Amino acid sequence: EIAPNTISYPSAATPTLLLNHIEDLKKLRNFDAILV
């Protein structure tokens, strides 16, 4: 439904796990910007 865009989720809804998830993504992909 959202292709070619993609989606993912942290393992739980906590700030720490959210940061870990984003940092892991940044190691795999290059993002030109983060929009919050």
All heavy atoms as atom14 arrays in JSON, in Angstrom:
{
  "sequence": "EIAPNTISYPSAATPTLLLNHIEDLKKLRNFDAILV",
  "atom14_mask": [
    [1, 1, 1, 1, 1, 1, 1, 1, 1, 0, 0, 0, 0, 0],
    [1, 1, 1, 1, 1, 1, 1, 1, 0, 0, 0, 0, 0, 0],
    [1, 1, 1, 1, 1, 0, 0, 0, 0, 0, 0, 0, 0, 0],
    [1, 1, 1, 1, 1, 1, 1, 0, 0, 0, 0, 0, 0, 0],
    [1, 1, 1, 1, 1, 1, 1, 1, 0, 0, 0, 0, 0, 0],
    [1, 1, 1, 1, 1, 1, 1, 0, 0, 0, 0, 0, 0, 0],
    [1, 1, 1, 1, 1, 1, 1, 1, 0, 0, 0, 0, 0, 0],
    [1, 1, 1, 1, 1, 1, 0, 0, 0, 0, 0, 0, 0, 0],
    [1, 1, 1, 1, 1, 1, 1, 1, 1, 1, 1, 1, 0, 0],
    [1, 1, 1, 1, 1, 1, 1, 0, 0, 0, 0, 0, 0, 0],
    [1, 1, 1, 1, 1, 1, 0, 0, 0, 0, 0, 0, 0, 0],
    [1, 1, 1, 1, 1, 0, 0, 0, 0, 0, 0, 0, 0, 0],
    [1, 1, 1, 1, 1, 0, 0, 0, 0, 0, 0, 0, 0, 0],
    [1, 1, 1, 1, 1, 1, 1, 0, 0, 0, 0, 0, 0, 0],
    [1, 1, 1, 1, 1, 1, 1, 0, 0, 0, 0, 0, 0, 0],
    [1, 1, 1, 1, 1, 1, 1, 0, 0, 0, 0, 0, 0, 0],
    [1, 1, 1, 1, 1, 1, 1, 1, 0, 0, 0, 0, 0, 0],
    [1, 1, 1, 1, 1, 1, 1, 1, 0, 0, 0, 0, 0, 0],
    [1, 1, 1, 1, 1, 1, 1, 1, 0, 0, 0, 0, 0, 0],
    [1, 1, 1, 1, 1, 1, 1, 1, 0, 0, 0, 0, 0, 0],
    [1, 1, 1, 1, 1, 1, 1, 1, 1, 1, 0, 0, 0, 0],
    [1, 1, 1, 1, 1, 1, 1, 1, 0, 0, 0, 0, 0, 0],
    [1, 1, 1, 1, 1, 1, 1, 1, 1, 0, 0, 0, 0, 0],
    [1, 1, 1, 1, 1, 1, 1, 1, 0, 0, 0, 0, 0, 0],
    [1, 1, 1, 1, 1, 1, 1, 1, 0, 0, 0, 0, 0, 0],
    [1, 1, 1, 1, 1, 1, 1, 1, 1, 0, 0, 0, 0, 0],
    [1, 1, 1, 1, 1, 1, 1, 1, 1, 0, 0, 0, 0, 0],
    [1, 1, 1, 1, 1, 1, 1, 1, 0, 0, 0, 0, 0, 0],
    [1, 1, 1, 1, 1, 1, 1, 1, 1, 1, 1, 0, 0, 0],
    [1, 1, 1, 1, 1, 1, 1, 1, 0, 0, 0, 0, 0, 0],
    [1, 1, 1, 1, 1, 1, 1, 1, 1, 1, 1, 0, 0, 0],
    [1, 1, 1, 1, 1, 1, 1, 1, 0, 0, 0, 0, 0, 0],
    [1, 1, 1, 1, 1, 0, 0, 0, 0, 0, 0, 0, 0, 0],
    [1, 1, 1, 1, 1, 1, 1, 1, 0, 0, 0, 0, 0, 0],
    [1, 1, 1, 1, 1, 1, 1, 1, 0, 0, 0, 0, 0, 0],
    [1, 1, 1, 1, 1, 1, 1, 0, 0, 0, 0, 0, 0, 0]
  ],
  "atom14_positions": [
    [[0.81, -1.21, 0.0], [0.0, 0.0, 0.0], [0.84, 1.26, 0.0], [0.39, 2.32, -0.44], [-0.93, 0.02, 1.22], [-2.02, -1.02, 1.21], [-2.97, -0.83, 2.38], [-3.31, 0.34, 2.67], [-3.37, -1.82, 3.0], [0.0, 0.0, 0.0], [0.0, 0.0, 0.0], [0.0, 0.0, 0.0], [0.0, 0.0, 0.0], [0.0, 0.0, 0.0]],
    [[2.06, 1.17, 0.51], [2.89, 2.37, 0.63], [4.13, 2.31, -0.26], [4.94, 3.25, -0.26], [3.32, 2.62, 2.08], [4.12, 1.43, 2.62], [2.1, 2.89, 2.97], [4.75, 1.69, 3.98], [0.0, 0.0, 0.0], [0.0, 0.0, 0.0], [0.0, 0.0, 0.0], [0.0, 0.0, 0.0], [0.0, 0.0, 0.0], [0.0, 0.0, 0.0]],
    [[4.33, 1.22, -1.0], [5.5, 1.07, -1.86], [5.57, 2.23, -2.88], [4.53, 2.72, -3.34], [5.44, -0.27, -2.58], [0.0, 0.0, 0.0], [0.0, 0.0, 0.0], [0.0, 0.0, 0.0], [0.0, 0.0, 0.0], [0.0, 0.0, 0.0], [0.0, 0.0, 0.0], [0.0, 0.0, 0.0], [0.0, 0.0, 0.0], [0.0, 0.0, 0.0]],
    [[6.78, 2.7, -3.21], [8.1, 2.17, -2.82], [8.58, 2.64, -1.45], [9.71, 2.35, -1.08], [9.01, 2.71, -3.93], [8.41, 4.04, -4.24], [6.92, 3.84, -4.15], [0.0, 0.0, 0.0], [0.0, 0.0, 0.0], [0.0, 0.0, 0.0], [0.0, 0.0, 0.0], [0.0, 0.0, 0.0], [0.0, 0.0, 0.0], [0.0, 0.0, 0.0]],
    [[7.74, 3.38, -0.72], [8.11, 3.75, 0.64], [8.08, 2.52, 1.54], [7.42, 1.52, 1.22], [7.17, 4.84, 1.16], [7.3, 6.13, 0.37], [8.38, 6.47, -0.1], [6.2, 6.86, 0.22], [0.0, 0.0, 0.0], [0.0, 0.0, 0.0], [0.0, 0.0, 0.0], [0.0, 0.0, 0.0], [0.0, 0.0, 0.0], [0.0, 0.0, 0.0]],
    [[8.76, 2.58, 2.66], [8.9, 1.43, 3.54], [8.56, 1.82, 4.98], [8.4, 3.01, 5.29], [10.33, 0.87, 3.46], [11.27, 1.95, 3.65], [10.58, 0.22, 2.11], [0.0, 0.0, 0.0], [0.0, 0.0, 0.0], [0.0, 0.0, 0.0], [0.0, 0.0, 0.0], [0.0, 0.0, 0.0], [0.0, 0.0, 0.0], [0.0, 0.0, 0.0]],
    [[8.49, 0.81, 5.85], [8.03, 1.06, 7.21], [8.69, 0.09, 8.18], [9.05, -1.04, 7.8], [6.49, 0.93, 7.29], [5.94, 1.5, 8.59], [6.06, -0.51, 7.1], [4.43, 1.68, 8.58], [0.0, 0.0, 0.0], [0.0, 0.0, 0.0], [0.0, 0.0, 0.0], [0.0, 0.0, 0.0], [0.0, 0.0, 0.0], [0.0, 0.0, 0.0]],
    [[8.89, 0.54, 9.42], [9.4, -0.35, 10.47], [8.97, 0.19, 11.82], [8.47, 1.33, 11.93], [10.94, -0.47, 10.41], [11.55, 0.78, 10.65], [0.0, 0.0, 0.0], [0.0, 0.0, 0.0], [0.0, 0.0, 0.0], [0.0, 0.0, 0.0], [0.0, 0.0, 0.0], [0.0, 0.0, 0.0], [0.0, 0.0, 0.0], [0.0, 0.0, 0.0]],
    [[9.17, -0.63, 12.86], [8.7, -0.3, 14.2], [9.76, -0.69, 15.23], [10.42, -1.72, 15.07], [7.41, -1.06, 14.53], [6.39, -1.1, 13.42], [6.44, -2.1, 12.44], [5.37, -0.15, 13.34], [5.51, -2.14, 11.42], [4.44, -0.19, 12.32], [4.51, -1.19, 11.36], [3.59, -1.23, 10.34], [0.0, 0.0, 0.0], [0.0, 0.0, 0.0]],
    [[9.91, 0.1, 16.29], [10.77, -0.36, 17.4], [10.12, -1.57, 18.07], [8.92, -1.79, 17.93], [10.85, 0.84, 18.33], [9.61, 1.64, 18.03], [9.32, 1.43, 16.58], [0.0, 0.0, 0.0], [0.0, 0.0, 0.0], [0.0, 0.0, 0.0], [0.0, 0.0, 0.0], [0.0, 0.0, 0.0], [0.0, 0.0, 0.0], [0.0, 0.0, 0.0]],
    [[10.92, -2.33, 18.82], [10.39, -3.54, 19.44], [9.34, -3.24, 20.51], [8.51, -4.09, 20.83], [11.53, -4.37, 20.05], [12.28, -3.59, 20.96], [0.0, 0.0, 0.0], [0.0, 0.0, 0.0], [0.0, 0.0, 0.0], [0.0, 0.0, 0.0], [0.0, 0.0, 0.0], [0.0, 0.0, 0.0], [0.0, 0.0, 0.0], [0.0, 0.0, 0.0]],
    [[9.37, -2.03, 21.06], [8.35, -1.59, 22.01], [8.33, -0.07, 22.0], [9.3, 0.58, 21.59], [8.64, -2.11, 23.42], [0.0, 0.0, 0.0], [0.0, 0.0, 0.0], [0.0, 0.0, 0.0], [0.0, 0.0, 0.0], [0.0, 0.0, 0.0], [0.0, 0.0, 0.0], [0.0, 0.0, 0.0], [0.0, 0.0, 0.0], [0.0, 0.0, 0.0]],
    [[7.2, 0.5, 22.45], [7.02, 1.95, 22.36], [7.65, 2.65, 23.57], [6.97, 3.14, 24.47], [5.53, 2.3, 22.26], [0.0, 0.0, 0.0], [0.0, 0.0, 0.0], [0.0, 0.0, 0.0], [0.0, 0.0, 0.0], [0.0, 0.0, 0.0], [0.0, 0.0, 0.0], [0.0, 0.0, 0.0], [0.0, 0.0, 0.0], [0.0, 0.0, 0.0]],
    [[8.98, 2.69, 23.57], [9.72, 3.44, 24.6], [10.75, 4.31, 23.89], [11.26, 3.93, 22.83], [10.44, 2.51, 25.59], [11.53, 1.86, 24.93], [9.48, 1.46, 26.15], [0.0, 0.0, 0.0], [0.0, 0.0, 0.0], [0.0, 0.0, 0.0], [0.0, 0.0, 0.0], [0.0, 0.0, 0.0], [0.0, 0.0, 0.0], [0.0, 0.0, 0.0]],
    [[11.08, 5.47, 24.47], [12.07, 6.34, 23.83], [13.42, 5.66, 23.59], [14.04, 5.83, 22.54], [12.19, 7.51, 24.81], [10.87, 7.57, 25.49], [10.46, 6.12, 25.64], [0.0, 0.0, 0.0], [0.0, 0.0, 0.0], [0.0, 0.0, 0.0], [0.0, 0.0, 0.0], [0.0, 0.0, 0.0], [0.0, 0.0, 0.0], [0.0, 0.0, 0.0]],
    [[13.9, 4.87, 24.55], [15.2, 4.22, 24.4], [15.21, 3.23, 23.25], [16.13, 3.22, 22.41], [15.59, 3.5, 25.71], [15.67, 4.45, 26.78], [16.93, 2.81, 25.56], [0.0, 0.0, 0.0], [0.0, 0.0, 0.0], [0.0, 0.0, 0.0], [0.0, 0.0, 0.0], [0.0, 0.0, 0.0], [0.0, 0.0, 0.0], [0.0, 0.0, 0.0]],
    [[14.19, 2.39, 23.17], [14.11, 1.41, 22.09], [13.87, 2.1, 20.74], [14.34, 1.62, 19.7], [13.02, 0.39, 22.38], [13.29, -0.54, 23.56], [12.11, -1.46, 23.81], [14.56, -1.36, 23.31], [0.0, 0.0, 0.0], [0.0, 0.0, 0.0], [0.0, 0.0, 0.0], [0.0, 0.0, 0.0], [0.0, 0.0, 0.0], [0.0, 0.0, 0.0]],
    [[13.17, 3.23, 20.76], [13.0, 4.0, 19.53], [14.35, 4.5, 19.02], [14.66, 4.38, 17.83], [12.06, 5.17, 19.78], [11.89, 6.16, 18.62], [11.24, 5.49, 17.42], [11.07, 7.37, 19.08], [0.0, 0.0, 0.0], [0.0, 0.0, 0.0], [0.0, 0.0, 0.0], [0.0, 0.0, 0.0], [0.0, 0.0, 0.0], [0.0, 0.0, 0.0]],
    [[15.16, 5.06, 19.91], [16.48, 5.55, 19.51], [17.35, 4.41, 19.0], [18.02, 4.55, 17.96], [17.16, 6.23, 20.69], [18.58, 6.74, 20.44], [18.61, 7.78, 19.34], [19.19, 7.3, 21.72], [0.0, 0.0, 0.0], [0.0, 0.0, 0.0], [0.0, 0.0, 0.0], [0.0, 0.0, 0.0], [0.0, 0.0, 0.0], [0.0, 0.0, 0.0]],
    [[17.34, 3.28, 19.69], [18.13, 2.13, 19.24], [17.71, 1.69, 17.84], [18.55, 1.37, 16.99], [17.97, 0.97, 20.21], [18.59, 1.25, 21.57], [19.4, 2.15, 21.71], [18.19, 0.48, 22.57], [0.0, 0.0, 0.0], [0.0, 0.0, 0.0], [0.0, 0.0, 0.0], [0.0, 0.0, 0.0], [0.0, 0.0, 0.0], [0.0, 0.0, 0.0]],
    [[16.4, 1.68, 17.6], [15.89, 1.26, 16.3], [16.35, 2.21, 15.19], [16.8, 1.77, 14.12], [14.36, 1.2, 16.35], [13.73, 0.76, 15.07], [13.81, -0.52, 14.58], [13.0, 1.46, 14.14], [13.17, -0.61, 13.43], [12.67, 0.58, 13.14], [0.0, 0.0, 0.0], [0.0, 0.0, 0.0], [0.0, 0.0, 0.0], [0.0, 0.0, 0.0]],
    [[16.25, 3.51, 15.45], [16.65, 4.49, 14.43], [18.16, 4.42, 14.18], [18.62, 4.49, 13.03], [16.22, 5.9, 14.86], [14.69, 6.0, 14.86], [16.81, 6.95, 13.91], [14.16, 7.33, 15.36], [0.0, 0.0, 0.0], [0.0, 0.0, 0.0], [0.0, 0.0, 0.0], [0.0, 0.0, 0.0], [0.0, 0.0, 0.0], [0.0, 0.0, 0.0]],
    [[18.94, 4.27, 15.24], [20.4, 4.18, 15.07], [20.77, 2.94, 14.26], [21.68, 2.97, 13.42], [21.09, 4.15, 16.44], [20.95, 5.44, 17.24], [21.73, 6.61, 16.66], [22.26, 6.49, 15.54], [21.82, 7.65, 17.33], [0.0, 0.0, 0.0], [0.0, 0.0, 0.0], [0.0, 0.0, 0.0], [0.0, 0.0, 0.0], [0.0, 0.0, 0.0]],
    [[20.06, 1.83, 14.48], [20.3, 0.62, 13.69], [19.95, 0.86, 12.22], [20.68, 0.41, 11.31], [19.48, -0.55, 14.24], [20.03, -1.06, 15.57], [21.18, -0.75, 15.9], [19.26, -1.75, 16.28], [0.0, 0.0, 0.0], [0.0, 0.0, 0.0], [0.0, 0.0, 0.0], [0.0, 0.0, 0.0], [0.0, 0.0, 0.0], [0.0, 0.0, 0.0]],
    [[18.86, 1.56, 11.96], [18.47, 1.86, 10.58], [19.52, 2.72, 9.89], [19.83, 2.52, 8.71], [17.12, 2.58, 10.56], [15.87, 1.75, 10.8], [14.64, 2.68, 10.93], [15.65, 0.76, 9.67], [0.0, 0.0, 0.0], [0.0, 0.0, 0.0], [0.0, 0.0, 0.0], [0.0, 0.0, 0.0], [0.0, 0.0, 0.0], [0.0, 0.0, 0.0]],
    [[20.05, 3.69, 10.61], [21.04, 4.61, 10.02], [22.32, 3.88, 9.65], [23.06, 4.34, 8.77], [21.33, 5.74, 11.01], [20.18, 6.73, 11.16], [20.4, 7.67, 12.32], [21.65, 8.49, 12.16], [21.88, 9.41, 13.31], [0.0, 0.0, 0.0], [0.0, 0.0, 0.0], [0.0, 0.0, 0.0], [0.0, 0.0, 0.0], [0.0, 0.0, 0.0]],
    [[22.61, 2.76, 10.29], [23.78, 1.97, 9.92], [23.56, 1.23, 8.6], [24.52, 0.9, 7.9], [24.09, 0.96, 11.03], [24.52, 1.61, 12.34], [24.7, 0.56, 13.42], [25.04, 1.2, 14.76], [25.14, 0.19, 15.86], [0.0, 0.0, 0.0], [0.0, 0.0, 0.0], [0.0, 0.0, 0.0], [0.0, 0.0, 0.0], [0.0, 0.0, 0.0]],
    [[22.29, 0.98, 8.28], [21.96, 0.22, 7.07], [21.61, 1.11, 5.89], [21.81, 0.71, 4.74], [20.78, -0.72, 7.37], [20.99, -1.75, 8.48], [19.68, -2.49, 8.75], [22.09, -2.73, 8.09], [0.0, 0.0, 0.0], [0.0, 0.0, 0.0], [0.0, 0.0, 0.0], [0.0, 0.0, 0.0], [0.0, 0.0, 0.0], [0.0, 0.0, 0.0]],
    [[21.09, 2.3, 6.17], [20.62, 3.18, 5.1], [21.08, 4.61, 5.35], [21.26, 5.02, 6.5], [19.08, 3.15, 5.0], [18.52, 1.79, 4.65], [17.01, 1.8, 4.64], [16.45, 2.82, 3.75], [15.15, 2.93, 3.49], [14.29, 2.09, 4.06], [14.71, 3.87, 2.69], [0.0, 0.0, 0.0], [0.0, 0.0, 0.0], [0.0, 0.0, 0.0]],
    [[21.25, 5.33, 4.27], [21.62, 6.74, 4.37], [20.37, 7.6, 4.21], [19.73, 7.61, 3.15], [22.64, 7.1, 3.28], [23.01, 8.57, 3.33], [23.2, 9.14, 4.4], [23.1, 9.19, 2.16], [0.0, 0.0, 0.0], [0.0, 0.0, 0.0], [0.0, 0.0, 0.0], [0.0, 0.0, 0.0], [0.0, 0.0, 0.0], [0.0, 0.0, 0.0]],
    [[20.0, 8.32, 5.26], [18.85, 9.21, 5.22], [19.34, 10.65, 5.1], [20.19, 11.09, 5.89], [17.99, 9.05, 6.47], [17.36, 7.7, 6.62], [17.87, 6.78, 7.53], [16.29, 7.33, 5.82], [17.29, 5.53, 7.66], [15.71, 6.07, 5.95], [16.22, 5.17, 6.86], [0.0, 0.0, 0.0], [0.0, 0.0, 0.0], [0.0, 0.0, 0.0]],
    [[18.79, 11.37, 4.13], [19.2, 12.76, 3.94], [18.64, 13.67, 5.02], [19.19, 14.75, 5.27], [18.74, 13.24, 2.55], [19.44, 12.48, 1.43], [20.55, 12.87, 1.07], [18.86, 11.48, 0.94], [0.0, 0.0, 0.0], [0.0, 0.0, 0.0], [0.0, 0.0, 0.0], [0.0, 0.0, 0.0], [0.0, 0.0, 0.0], [0.0, 0.0, 0.0]],
    [[17.54, 13.26, 5.64], [16.94, 14.06, 6.71], [16.0, 13.18, 7.52], [15.55, 12.12, 7.06], [16.18, 15.26, 6.13], [0.0, 0.0, 0.0], [0.0, 0.0, 0.0], [0.0, 0.0, 0.0], [0.0, 0.0, 0.0], [0.0, 0.0, 0.0], [0.0, 0.0, 0.0], [0.0, 0.0, 0.0], [0.0, 0.0, 0.0], [0.0, 0.0, 0.0]],
    [[15.72, 13.63, 8.73], [14.7, 13.0, 9.58], [13.61, 14.03, 9.81], [13.88, 15.14, 10.26], [15.29, 12.55, 10.93], [16.33, 11.45, 10.71], [14.19, 12.05, 11.86], [17.01, 10.99, 12.01], [0.0, 0.0, 0.0], [0.0, 0.0, 0.0], [0.0, 0.0, 0.0], [0.0, 0.0, 0.0], [0.0, 0.0, 0.0], [0.0, 0.0, 0.0]],
    [[12.38, 13.66, 9.49], [11.22, 14.53, 9.71], [10.39, 13.95, 10.84], [9.87, 12.84, 10.73], [10.38, 14.65, 8.43], [9.04, 15.41, 8.57], [9.28, 16.84, 9.04], [8.27, 15.39, 7.26], [0.0, 0.0, 0.0], [0.0, 0.0, 0.0], [0.0, 0.0, 0.0], [0.0, 0.0, 0.0], [0.0, 0.0, 0.0], [0.0, 0.0, 0.0]],
    [[10.27, 14.7, 11.92], [9.55, 14.26, 13.1], [8.17, 14.92, 13.13], [8.06, 16.14, 13.05], [10.31, 14.63, 14.39], [9.55, 14.15, 15.63], [11.72, 14.06, 14.37], [0.0, 0.0, 0.0], [0.0, 0.0, 0.0], [0.0, 0.0, 0.0], [0.0, 0.0, 0.0], [0.0, 0.0, 0.0], [0.0, 0.0, 0.0], [0.0, 0.0, 0.0]]
  ]
}
